[in-house]
Each structure stands twice: as structure tokens, then as C-alpha cells.
Amino acid sequence: MSPALAPGHCSVTADDDAPTLPGADRPGFRRTTVRIEPGHCRPYRSADWADCLVLIESGEIDLEAIGGARQTCRGGDVLFLVGLPLRGLVNRGPAPVVITTVRRA
């Protein structure tokens, strides 16, 4: 992770309110929300994203690879993050990043 960015300062909550992704409210699915504060990084663990569709709800997040390369994802992007050579999800922007995940229960 970039030395200027602090790890942590993210929250994960179960979210059973109105779904963002179509079908997320159907029986057999579980939805969670991940929030990463400005200037912080969530270390990447492949297991955290297993069997998930990932939607960037708002903000911009950099997917930082182990080798240092970065890919920026923005609100509205849909991702699948399993098995990638990532170091972390980094919020370099001025606002929190909100990510919704949907997986089978």
C-alpha cells in the first residue's frame, strides 16, 4: 500500500434495505455495504470478495496491484474481485467510497 495512506478506517455492514442491484432483495442473497474513508486503504483479501458481485455506489477507488500498478474504478462500475493480485483498495479522493456487495446466502 502507498505509505501515505493509512490502512483501515472502513466499515462493513449487513444491508437489508432496498436493493441497489436487481434481485439483491430476493431470498437466498445477502447484501453488504463497505465504506472506505478518504485517504484510507482496505487491505485486499480474496476471501472477502468470494462469490460477490461488487458495485461501486459512489466515489472513486484505486485497485492497487502487488506490483504497484493501479486501476481506478468509479461510481456505477460493477466488479468481480476474486483471485486478483491486489494489495488493497485505496480511496485517494475527498469523499468516502461506498461499495455494495451481493452474494448468495
Foldseek 3Di string as FASTA:
>chain_A
DPPQAAEDPKDKDWDQPDDPDPPLNPPQKTKMKIKHFARYKYFDDLVVQPQKWKFWQAAKKWFAAPVGDTDIDGHGDIDRDHPGRTGTIHHNDNGMIMMMIMGGD
